[in-house]
């Protein structure tokens, strides 16, 4: 089976400009409209896809992102591996703006979003004990080291609803939970990627100290945008490199691989035609 990589770009990363053989394509989903068209990249005879999470003009708020449509269209294109790149606030003194964090755990504090593909007559419970792909994380580590981008491997991402930034009390609460970074977009994205049996890795780019830090109490959008642009430049270099060899790190025992085999509870004879049609990209291998 061919491994196909997709990149979802967050705040500051709206396109990948380092390749010549590219085109924007429109892909439809029965879950609605995805964030934008998808950039198809051909490099070394490989197809790679890029999707700007907030749209190319950053016109979609975190709560309004159609996470299900985004994952559904990537699955439709045959994507097997997904790297999420997003801007985050730091909840640790030793994670300054400009640092990258390879997330390995999540705390989901969002509440306005559709969080599952299985919300009608097919019930499934996927495991999120290990929510990211160890092999894909190792590929990210190798590329970040090669490009001399400062990072740490391992960290807990707290997903807040937004779009407002935290109060100081909230920020200190999350720090007491030992969360490392805070953002607004990796949930339910990581959950849906798992339901779609897509290997997932999260590269979090620190832009600020949230509001807990005594010397950085107010999150200033202008300051964040400046750091965001610097991070996006580094992310472009990282993406160019990881495209070359991510397949070399794929782990056949990844928890995302065929996870629906043990997750779907509803007997197949009770699956409605409507659900089978809507979920054809997600459960297609069960319908053959």
C-alpha atoms as a PDB file:
ATOM      1  CA  UNK A   1       0.000   0.000   0.000  1.00  0.00           C
ATOM      2  CA  UNK A   2       1.286   3.439  -0.953  1.00  0.00           C
ATOM      3  CA  UNK A   3       1.800   5.905   1.890  1.00  0.00           C
ATOM      4  CA  UNK A   4       0.475   9.394   1.122  1.00  0.00           C
ATOM      5  CA  UNK A   5       1.310  12.372   3.311  1.00  0.00           C
ATOM      6  CA  UNK A   6      -0.846  15.412   3.989  1.00  0.00           C
ATOM      7  CA  UNK A   7       0.013  18.574   5.882  1.00  0.00           C
ATOM      8  CA  UNK A   8      -2.597  20.705   7.625  1.00  0.00           C
ATOM      9  CA  UNK A   9      -1.270  24.223   8.082  1.00  0.00           C
ATOM     10  CA  UNK A  10      -2.431  26.372  10.962  1.00  0.00           C
ATOM     11  CA  UNK A  11      -2.096  30.066  11.749  1.00  0.00           C
ATOM     12  CA  UNK A  12       0.637  31.614   9.613  1.00  0.00           C
ATOM     13  CA  UNK A  13       1.031  28.646   7.285  1.00  0.00           C
ATOM     14  CA  UNK A  14      -1.421  29.056   4.415  1.00  0.00           C
ATOM     15  CA  UNK A  15       0.554  27.619   1.501  1.00  0.00           C
ATOM     16  CA  UNK A  16       3.684  25.652   0.669  1.00  0.00           C
ATOM     17  CA  UNK A  17       5.673  27.753  -1.767  1.00  0.00           C
ATOM     18  CA  UNK A  18       8.808  25.657  -2.224  1.00  0.00           C
ATOM     19  CA  UNK A  19       7.517  23.430  -5.034  1.00  0.00           C
ATOM     20  CA  UNK A  20       6.915  24.144  -8.729  1.00  0.00           C
ATOM     21  CA  UNK A  21       4.621  21.263  -9.649  1.00  0.00           C
ATOM     22  CA  UNK A  22       1.496  22.202  -7.690  1.00  0.00           C
ATOM     23  CA  UNK A  23      -2.196  22.857  -8.222  1.00  0.00           C
ATOM     24  CA  UNK A  24      -5.198  23.660  -6.033  1.00  0.00           C
ATOM     25  CA  UNK A  25      -7.942  21.047  -6.313  1.00  0.00           C
ATOM     26  CA  UNK A  26     -11.527  21.023  -5.039  1.00  0.00           C
ATOM     27  CA  UNK A  27     -12.652  17.885  -3.219  1.00  0.00           C
ATOM     28  CA  UNK A  28     -16.232  17.445  -2.049  1.00  0.00           C
ATOM     29  CA  UNK A  29     -17.379  15.857   1.207  1.00  0.00           C
ATOM     30  CA  UNK A  30     -20.795  14.683   2.363  1.00  0.00           C
ATOM     31  CA  UNK A  31     -19.907  16.280   5.697  1.00  0.00           C
ATOM     32  CA  UNK A  32     -19.982  19.741   4.148  1.00  0.00           C
ATOM     33  CA  UNK A  33     -17.379  22.152   2.902  1.00  0.00           C
ATOM     34  CA  UNK A  34     -13.720  21.734   3.945  1.00  0.00           C
ATOM     35  CA  UNK A  35     -11.647  24.743   4.995  1.00  0.00           C
ATOM     36  CA  UNK A  36     -10.375  25.405   1.460  1.00  0.00           C
ATOM     37  CA  UNK A  37      -9.261  23.767  -1.752  1.00  0.00           C
ATOM     38  CA  UNK A  38      -6.367  21.358  -1.307  1.00  0.00           C
ATOM     39  CA  UNK A  39      -2.904  22.009  -2.689  1.00  0.00           C
ATOM     40  CA  UNK A  40      -1.659  18.956  -4.569  1.00  0.00           C
ATOM     41  CA  UNK A  41       2.132  18.783  -4.707  1.00  0.00           C
ATOM     42  CA  UNK A  42       4.095  16.454  -6.964  1.00  0.00           C
ATOM     43  CA  UNK A  43       7.641  15.924  -5.717  1.00  0.00           C
ATOM     44  CA  UNK A  44       9.981  13.079  -6.679  1.00  0.00           C
ATOM     45  CA  UNK A  45       7.037  11.257  -8.273  1.00  0.00           C
ATOM     46  CA  UNK A  46       5.091  11.437  -5.006  1.00  0.00           C
ATOM     47  CA  UNK A  47       1.783  13.175  -4.326  1.00  0.00           C
ATOM     48  CA  UNK A  48       1.561  15.244  -1.166  1.00  0.00           C
ATOM     49  CA  UNK A  49      -1.428  17.294  -0.062  1.00  0.00           C
ATOM     50  CA  UNK A  50      -1.654  20.543   1.873  1.00  0.00           C
ATOM     51  CA  UNK A  51      -4.777  22.013   3.465  1.00  0.00           C
ATOM     52  CA  UNK A  52      -4.860  25.460   5.150  1.00  0.00           C
ATOM     53  CA  UNK A  53      -6.915  24.839   8.283  1.00  0.00           C
ATOM     54  CA  UNK A  54      -8.327  28.368   8.558  1.00  0.00           C
ATOM     55  CA  UNK A  55      -8.532  28.944   4.790  1.00  0.00           C
ATOM     56  CA  UNK A  56      -5.900  30.751   2.718  1.00  0.00           C
ATOM     57  CA  UNK A  57      -7.141  34.126   3.966  1.00  0.00           C
ATOM     58  CA  UNK A  58      -7.542  33.005   7.591  1.00  0.00           C
ATOM     59  CA  UNK A  59     -11.277  33.607   7.535  1.00  0.00           C
ATOM     60  CA  UNK A  60     -12.416  30.564   9.567  1.00  0.00           C
ATOM     61  CA  UNK A  61     -12.466  30.733  13.369  1.00  0.00           C
ATOM     62  CA  UNK A  62     -11.353  27.590  15.284  1.00  0.00           C
ATOM     63  CA  UNK A  63     -14.905  26.716  16.361  1.00  0.00           C
ATOM     64  CA  UNK A  64     -16.202  27.070  12.785  1.00  0.00           C
ATOM     65  CA  UNK A  65     -13.648  24.807  11.110  1.00  0.00           C
ATOM     66  CA  UNK A  66     -15.356  21.810   9.522  1.00  0.00           C
ATOM     67  CA  UNK A  67     -12.951  19.265  10.980  1.00  0.00           C
ATOM     68  CA  UNK A  68     -14.975  16.298   9.716  1.00  0.00           C
ATOM     69  CA  UNK A  69     -14.990  17.540   6.124  1.00  0.00           C
ATOM     70  CA  UNK A  70     -11.241  18.266   6.297  1.00  0.00           C
ATOM     71  CA  UNK A  71     -10.363  14.738   7.404  1.00  0.00           C
ATOM     72  CA  UNK A  72     -12.965  13.165   5.103  1.00  0.00           C
ATOM     73  CA  UNK A  73     -11.566  14.795   1.936  1.00  0.00           C
ATOM     74  CA  UNK A  74      -8.011  13.821   2.879  1.00  0.00           C
ATOM     75  CA  UNK A  75      -9.116  10.216   3.394  1.00  0.00           C
ATOM     76  CA  UNK A  76     -10.913  10.386   0.037  1.00  0.00           C
ATOM     77  CA  UNK A  77      -7.589  11.364  -1.580  1.00  0.00           C
ATOM     78  CA  UNK A  78      -5.926   8.286  -0.082  1.00  0.00           C
ATOM     79  CA  UNK A  79      -3.998  10.067   2.670  1.00  0.00           C
ATOM     80  CA  UNK A  80      -2.442   7.627   5.157  1.00  0.00           C
ATOM     81  CA  UNK A  81      -0.282  10.037   7.171  1.00  0.00           C
ATOM     82  CA  UNK A  82      -1.137  13.493   8.455  1.00  0.00           C
ATOM     83  CA  UNK A  83       1.094  16.129  10.033  1.00  0.00           C
ATOM     84  CA  UNK A  84      -0.718  18.936  11.798  1.00  0.00           C
ATOM     85  CA  UNK A  85       1.197  22.210  12.128  1.00  0.00           C
ATOM     86  CA  UNK A  86      -0.303  24.772  14.483  1.00  0.00           C
ATOM     87  CA  UNK A  87       0.444  27.878  16.545  1.00  0.00           C
ATOM     88  CA  UNK A  88       0.241  27.459  20.323  1.00  0.00           C
ATOM     89  CA  UNK A  89       0.819  29.285  23.567  1.00  0.00           C
ATOM     90  CA  UNK A  90       3.396  27.969  26.025  1.00  0.00           C
ATOM     91  CA  UNK A  91       2.465  26.861  29.548  1.00  0.00           C
ATOM     92  CA  UNK A  92       6.094  26.249  30.527  1.00  0.00           C
ATOM     93  CA  UNK A  93       8.893  28.707  31.205  1.00  0.00           C
ATOM     94  CA  UNK A  94      11.376  26.557  29.269  1.00  0.00           C
ATOM     95  CA  UNK A  95       9.239  26.585  26.091  1.00  0.00           C
ATOM     96  CA  UNK A  96       9.810  30.107  24.753  1.00  0.00           C
ATOM     97  CA  UNK A  97       8.295  31.635  21.605  1.00  0.00           C
ATOM     98  CA  UNK A  98       9.917  30.082  18.536  1.00  0.00           C
ATOM     99  CA  UNK A  99      10.257  26.620  20.060  1.00  0.00           C
ATOM    100  CA  UNK A 100       8.573  23.653  18.346  1.00  0.00           C
ATOM    101  CA  UNK A 101       6.880  20.886  20.344  1.00  0.00           C
ATOM    102  CA  UNK A 102       6.135  17.398  19.046  1.00  0.00           C
ATOM    103  CA  UNK A 103       2.926  16.707  20.929  1.00  0.00           C
ATOM    104  CA  UNK A 104       2.197  13.215  22.233  1.00  0.00           C
ATOM    105  CA  UNK A 105      -0.912  13.758  24.402  1.00  0.00           C
ATOM    106  CA  UNK A 106      -4.048  15.923  24.369  1.00  0.00           C
ATOM    107  CA  UNK A 107      -6.584  17.354  26.795  1.00  0.00           C
ATOM    108  CA  UNK A 108      -9.788  18.285  24.980  1.00  0.00           C
ATOM    109  CA  UNK A 109     -11.636  21.269  26.480  1.00  0.00           C
ATOM    110  CA  UNK A 110     -13.632  22.121  23.339  1.00  0.00           C
ATOM    111  CA  UNK A 111     -17.427  21.871  23.414  1.00  0.00           C
ATOM    112  CA  UNK A 112     -18.968  23.383  20.251  1.00  0.00           C
ATOM    113  CA  UNK A 113     -17.625  20.959  17.653  1.00  0.00           C
ATOM    114  CA  UNK A 114     -18.664  17.771  15.885  1.00  0.00           C
ATOM    115  CA  UNK A 115     -16.169  15.267  17.275  1.00  0.00           C
ATOM    116  CA  UNK A 116     -16.985  11.980  15.568  1.00  0.00           C
ATOM    117  CA  UNK A 117     -17.915  10.543  12.197  1.00  0.00           C
ATOM    118  CA  UNK A 118     -20.019   7.940  13.994  1.00  0.00           C
ATOM    119  CA  UNK A 119     -22.922  10.014  15.293  1.00  0.00           C
ATOM    120  CA  UNK A 120     -25.942   8.248  13.756  1.00  0.00           C
ATOM    121  CA  UNK A 121     -26.696   4.524  13.520  1.00  0.00           C
ATOM    122  CA  UNK A 122     -23.126   3.200  13.522  1.00  0.00           C
ATOM    123  CA  UNK A 123     -21.397   3.361  16.902  1.00  0.00           C
ATOM    124  CA  UNK A 124     -17.602   3.222  17.201  1.00  0.00           C
ATOM    125  CA  UNK A 125     -15.205   3.826  20.087  1.00  0.00           C
ATOM    126  CA  UNK A 126     -11.575   4.238  18.954  1.00  0.00           C
ATOM    127  CA  UNK A 127      -8.729   4.232  21.467  1.00  0.00           C
ATOM    128  CA  UNK A 128      -6.869   7.507  21.997  1.00  0.00           C
ATOM    129  CA  UNK A 129      -4.461   6.177  24.608  1.00  0.00           C
ATOM    130  CA  UNK A 130      -1.641   6.825  22.135  1.00  0.00           C
ATOM    131  CA  UNK A 131      -3.102   9.604  19.952  1.00  0.00           C
ATOM    132  CA  UNK A 132      -0.078  10.238  17.735  1.00  0.00           C
ATOM    133  CA  UNK A 133       1.999   8.053  15.439  1.00  0.00           C
ATOM    134  CA  UNK A 134       5.366   7.179  16.944  1.00  0.00           C
ATOM    135  CA  UNK A 135       6.859   6.579  13.502  1.00  0.00           C
ATOM    136  CA  UNK A 136       5.607   9.887  12.115  1.00  0.00           C
ATOM    137  CA  UNK A 137       6.935  11.690  15.194  1.00  0.00           C
ATOM    138  CA  UNK A 138      10.356  10.118  14.589  1.00  0.00           C
ATOM    139  CA  UNK A 139      10.223  11.384  10.997  1.00  0.00           C
ATOM    140  CA  UNK A 140       9.448  14.868  12.330  1.00  0.00           C
ATOM    141  CA  UNK A 141      12.345  14.650  14.784  1.00  0.00           C
ATOM    142  CA  UNK A 142      14.770  13.721  12.011  1.00  0.00           C
ATOM    143  CA  UNK A 143      13.686  16.622   9.777  1.00  0.00           C
ATOM    144  CA  UNK A 144      13.680  19.199  12.590  1.00  0.00           C
ATOM    145  CA  UNK A 145      17.195  18.136  13.613  1.00  0.00           C
ATOM    146  CA  UNK A 146      18.388  18.272  10.013  1.00  0.00           C
ATOM    147  CA  UNK A 147      17.013  21.803   9.586  1.00  0.00           C
ATOM    148  CA  UNK A 148      18.397  22.840  13.002  1.00  0.00           C
ATOM    149  CA  UNK A 149      14.999  23.898  14.310  1.00  0.00           C
ATOM    150  CA  UNK A 150      14.819  23.987  18.109  1.00  0.00           C
ATOM    151  CA  UNK A 151      12.230  21.534  19.444  1.00  0.00           C
ATOM    152  CA  UNK A 152      11.292  19.147  22.219  1.00  0.00           C
ATOM    153  CA  UNK A 153       9.765  15.735  21.650  1.00  0.00           C
ATOM    154  CA  UNK A 154       6.803  14.967  23.890  1.00  0.00           C
ATOM    155  CA  UNK A 155       4.272  17.319  25.404  1.00  0.00           C
ATOM    156  CA  UNK A 156       0.610  17.668  26.283  1.00  0.00           C
ATOM    157  CA  UNK A 157      -1.535  19.963  24.139  1.00  0.00           C
ATOM    158  CA  UNK A 158      -4.583  21.471  25.826  1.00  0.00           C
ATOM    159  CA  UNK A 159      -7.265  22.296  23.259  1.00  0.00           C
ATOM    160  CA  UNK A 160      -9.492  25.206  24.326  1.00  0.00           C
ATOM    161  CA  UNK A 161     -12.610  26.355  22.513  1.00  0.00           C
ATOM    162  CA  UNK A 162     -11.611  29.965  21.857  1.00  0.00           C
ATOM    163  CA  UNK A 163     -11.625  32.209  19.942  1.00  0.00           C
ATOM    164  CA  UNK A 164     -10.767  34.293  23.022  1.00  0.00           C
ATOM    165  CA  UNK A 165      -7.422  33.684  24.712  1.00  0.00           C
ATOM    166  CA  UNK A 166      -7.315  32.342  28.283  1.00  0.00           C
ATOM    167  CA  UNK A 167      -7.991  34.215  31.474  1.00  0.00           C
ATOM    168  CA  UNK A 168      -5.048  34.175  33.891  1.00  0.00           C
ATOM    169  CA  UNK A 169      -6.964  31.833  36.195  1.00  0.00           C
ATOM    170  CA  UNK A 170      -7.565  29.389  33.329  1.00  0.00           C
ATOM    171  CA  UNK A 171      -3.938  29.570  32.249  1.00  0.00           C
ATOM    172  CA  UNK A 172      -2.741  28.736  35.766  1.00  0.00           C
ATOM    173  CA  UNK A 173      -5.307  25.924  36.036  1.00  0.00           C
ATOM    174  CA  UNK A 174      -3.965  24.305  32.865  1.00  0.00           C
ATOM    175  CA  UNK A 175      -0.417  24.668  34.177  1.00  0.00           C
ATOM    176  CA  UNK A 176      -1.465  22.859  37.363  1.00  0.00           C
ATOM    177  CA  UNK A 177      -2.682  20.008  35.122  1.00  0.00           C
ATOM    178  CA  UNK A 178       0.859  19.749  33.703  1.00  0.00           C
ATOM    179  CA  UNK A 179      -0.247  20.712  30.195  1.00  0.00           C
ATOM    180  CA  UNK A 180       2.672  22.037  28.130  1.00  0.00           C
ATOM    181  CA  UNK A 181       1.069  24.044  25.332  1.00  0.00           C
ATOM    182  CA  UNK A 182      -2.367  25.479  24.624  1.00  0.00           C
ATOM    183  CA  UNK A 183      -4.117  25.813  21.275  1.00  0.00           C
ATOM    184  CA  UNK A 184      -7.542  25.831  19.660  1.00  0.00           C
ATOM    185  CA  UNK A 185      -7.419  23.423  16.721  1.00  0.00           C
ATOM    186  CA  UNK A 186      -5.869  19.983  17.353  1.00  0.00           C
ATOM    187  CA  UNK A 187      -9.140  18.723  18.787  1.00  0.00           C
ATOM    188  CA  UNK A 188     -11.243  17.153  17.402  1.00  0.00           C
ATOM    189  CA  UNK A 189      -8.822  16.916  14.469  1.00  0.00           C
ATOM    190  CA  UNK A 190      -6.684  14.212  16.118  1.00  0.00           C
ATOM    191  CA  UNK A 191      -9.780  12.230  17.160  1.00  0.00           C
ATOM    192  CA  UNK A 192     -11.213  12.286  13.646  1.00  0.00           C
ATOM    193  CA  UNK A 193      -7.884  11.303  12.091  1.00  0.00           C
ATOM    194  CA  UNK A 194      -7.869   8.243  14.345  1.00  0.00           C
ATOM    195  CA  UNK A 195     -11.444   7.349  13.344  1.00  0.00           C
ATOM    196  CA  UNK A 196     -10.339   7.639   9.712  1.00  0.00           C
ATOM    197  CA  UNK A 197      -7.371   5.329  10.435  1.00  0.00           C
ATOM    198  CA  UNK A 198      -4.924   8.061   9.407  1.00  0.00           C
ATOM    199  CA  UNK A 199      -1.610   8.209  11.252  1.00  0.00           C
ATOM    200  CA  UNK A 200      -1.308  11.617  12.937  1.00  0.00           C
ATOM    201  CA  UNK A 201       1.473  13.815  14.298  1.00  0.00           C
ATOM    202  CA  UNK A 202       1.197  17.295  15.778  1.00  0.00           C
ATOM    203  CA  UNK A 203       3.924  19.913  15.393  1.00  0.00           C
ATOM    204  CA  UNK A 204       3.092  22.786  17.739  1.00  0.00           C
ATOM    205  CA  UNK A 205       4.883  26.099  17.147  1.00  0.00           C
ATOM    206  CA  UNK A 206       5.082  28.322  20.248  1.00  0.00           C
ATOM    207  CA  UNK A 207       4.143  31.964  19.639  1.00  0.00           C
ATOM    208  CA  UNK A 208       3.657  33.293  23.201  1.00  0.00           C
ATOM    209  CA  UNK A 209       3.457  32.471  26.919  1.00  0.00           C
ATOM    210  CA  UNK A 210      -0.347  32.587  27.068  1.00  0.00           C
ATOM    211  CA  UNK A 211      -1.007  34.985  30.008  1.00  0.00           C
ATOM    212  CA  UNK A 212       0.395  33.187  33.069  1.00  0.00           C
ATOM    213  CA  UNK A 213       3.966  34.509  32.724  1.00  0.00           C
ATOM    214  CA  UNK A 214       4.575  37.575  34.950  1.00  0.00           C
ATOM    215  CA  UNK A 215       6.617  39.292  32.230  1.00  0.00           C
ATOM    216  CA  UNK A 216       4.222  38.365  29.412  1.00  0.00           C
ATOM    217  CA  UNK A 217       0.797  38.750  31.007  1.00  0.00           C
ATOM    218  CA  UNK A 218      -1.133  39.957  27.970  1.00  0.00           C
ATOM    219  CA  UNK A 219      -1.231  37.993  24.728  1.00  0.00           C
ATOM    220  CA  UNK A 220      -0.706  40.603  22.037  1.00  0.00           C
ATOM    221  CA  UNK A 221      -1.902  39.669  18.538  1.00  0.00           C
ATOM    222  CA  UNK A 222       0.721  41.853  16.842  1.00  0.00           C
ATOM    223  CA  UNK A 223       3.512  40.131  18.756  1.00  0.00           C
ATOM    224  CA  UNK A 224       2.040  36.708  17.984  1.00  0.00           C
ATOM    225  CA  UNK A 225       1.852  37.475  14.249  1.00  0.00           C
ATOM    226  CA  UNK A 226       5.546  38.433  14.200  1.00  0.00           C
ATOM    227  CA  UNK A 227       6.580  35.152  15.851  1.00  0.00           C
ATOM    228  CA  UNK A 228       4.062  33.290  13.683  1.00  0.00           C
ATOM    229  CA  UNK A 229       5.745  34.492  10.480  1.00  0.00           C
ATOM    230  CA  UNK A 230       9.149  33.428  11.797  1.00  0.00           C
ATOM    231  CA  UNK A 231       7.748  30.009  12.750  1.00  0.00           C
ATOM    232  CA  UNK A 232       6.060  29.634   9.358  1.00  0.00           C
ATOM    233  CA  UNK A 233       9.399  30.191   7.604  1.00  0.00           C
ATOM    234  CA  UNK A 234      10.929  27.373   9.680  1.00  0.00           C
ATOM    235  CA  UNK A 235       7.879  25.172   9.039  1.00  0.00           C
ATOM    236  CA  UNK A 236       8.292  25.582   5.271  1.00  0.00           C
ATOM    237  CA  UNK A 237      11.853  24.232   5.508  1.00  0.00           C
ATOM    238  CA  UNK A 238      10.687  21.382   7.736  1.00  0.00           C
ATOM    239  CA  UNK A 239       7.908  20.355   5.316  1.00  0.00           C
ATOM    240  CA  UNK A 240      10.247  20.310   2.310  1.00  0.00           C
ATOM    241  CA  UNK A 241      12.540  17.898   4.126  1.00  0.00           C
ATOM    242  CA  UNK A 242       9.998  15.544   5.689  1.00  0.00           C
ATOM    243  CA  UNK A 243       8.286  14.958   2.354  1.00  0.00           C
ATOM    244  CA  UNK A 244      11.469  13.250   1.143  1.00  0.00           C
ATOM    245  CA  UNK A 245      11.642  10.374   3.603  1.00  0.00           C
ATOM    246  CA  UNK A 246       8.650  10.134   5.948  1.00  0.00           C
ATOM    247  CA  UNK A 247       7.881   6.628   4.616  1.00  0.00           C
ATOM    248  CA  UNK A 248      11.141   5.326   6.089  1.00  0.00           C
ATOM    249  CA  UNK A 249       9.739   5.781   9.591  1.00  0.00           C
ATOM    250  CA  UNK A 250       6.308   4.189   9.161  1.00  0.00           C
ATOM    251  CA  UNK A 251       5.472   1.667  11.887  1.00  0.00           C
ATOM    252  CA  UNK A 252       3.209  -1.168  10.736  1.00  0.00           C
ATOM    253  CA  UNK A 253       2.040  -1.620  14.346  1.00  0.00           C
ATOM    254  CA  UNK A 254       0.817   1.978  14.624  1.00  0.00           C
ATOM    255  CA  UNK A 255      -2.389   2.195  16.728  1.00  0.00           C
ATOM    256  CA  UNK A 256      -4.193   3.963  13.875  1.00  0.00           C
ATOM    257  CA  UNK A 257      -3.696   1.024  11.514  1.00  0.00           C
ATOM    258  CA  UNK A 258      -7.013  -0.798  11.126  1.00  0.00           C
ATOM    259  CA  UNK A 259      -8.162   0.533  14.510  1.00  0.00           C
ATOM    260  CA  UNK A 260     -11.801   0.314  13.384  1.00  0.00           C
ATOM    261  CA  UNK A 261     -11.518  -3.493  13.444  1.00  0.00           C
ATOM    262  CA  UNK A 262     -11.971  -3.363  17.207  1.00  0.00           C
ATOM    263  CA  UNK A 263     -13.834  -0.048  17.495  1.00  0.00           C
ATOM    264  CA  UNK A 264     -17.099  -0.495  15.603  1.00  0.00           C
ATOM    265  CA  UNK A 265     -19.724  -2.009  17.887  1.00  0.00           C
ATOM    266  CA  UNK A 266     -22.862  -1.909  15.700  1.00  0.00           C
ATOM    267  CA  UNK A 267     -23.432  -5.088  13.705  1.00  0.00           C
ATOM    268  CA  UNK A 268     -23.021  -4.493   9.988  1.00  0.00           C
ATOM    269  CA  UNK A 269     -26.561  -5.661   9.223  1.00  0.00           C
ATOM    270  CA  UNK A 270     -27.913  -2.617  11.080  1.00  0.00           C
ATOM    271  CA  UNK A 271     -25.900  -0.050   9.127  1.00  0.00           C
ATOM    272  CA  UNK A 272     -28.289   2.163   7.163  1.00  0.00           C
ATOM    273  CA  UNK A 273     -27.749   2.985   3.494  1.00  0.00           C
ATOM    274  CA  UNK A 274     -27.555   6.640   4.452  1.00  0.00           C
ATOM    275  CA  UNK A 275     -24.720   6.056   6.920  1.00  0.00           C
ATOM    276  CA  UNK A 276     -22.835   3.752   4.571  1.00  0.00           C
ATOM    277  CA  UNK A 277     -23.010   6.392   1.859  1.00  0.00           C
ATOM    278  CA  UNK A 278     -21.954   9.238   4.138  1.00  0.00           C
ATOM    279  CA  UNK A 279     -19.120   7.232   5.683  1.00  0.00           C
ATOM    280  CA  UNK A 280     -17.903   5.577   2.486  1.00  0.00           C
ATOM    281  CA  UNK A 281     -14.461   7.222   2.716  1.00  0.00           C
ATOM    282  CA  UNK A 282     -14.053   6.358   6.393  1.00  0.00           C
ATOM    283  CA  UNK A 283     -15.335   2.755   6.416  1.00  0.00           C
ATOM    284  CA  UNK A 284     -14.839   1.963   2.742  1.00  0.00           C
ATOM    285  CA  UNK A 285     -12.778  -1.174   3.399  1.00  0.00           C
ATOM    286  CA  UNK A 286     -15.719  -2.668   5.329  1.00  0.00           C
ATOM    287  CA  UNK A 287     -18.110  -2.092   2.419  1.00  0.00           C
ATOM    288  CA  UNK A 288     -16.237  -4.051  -0.222  1.00  0.00           C
END
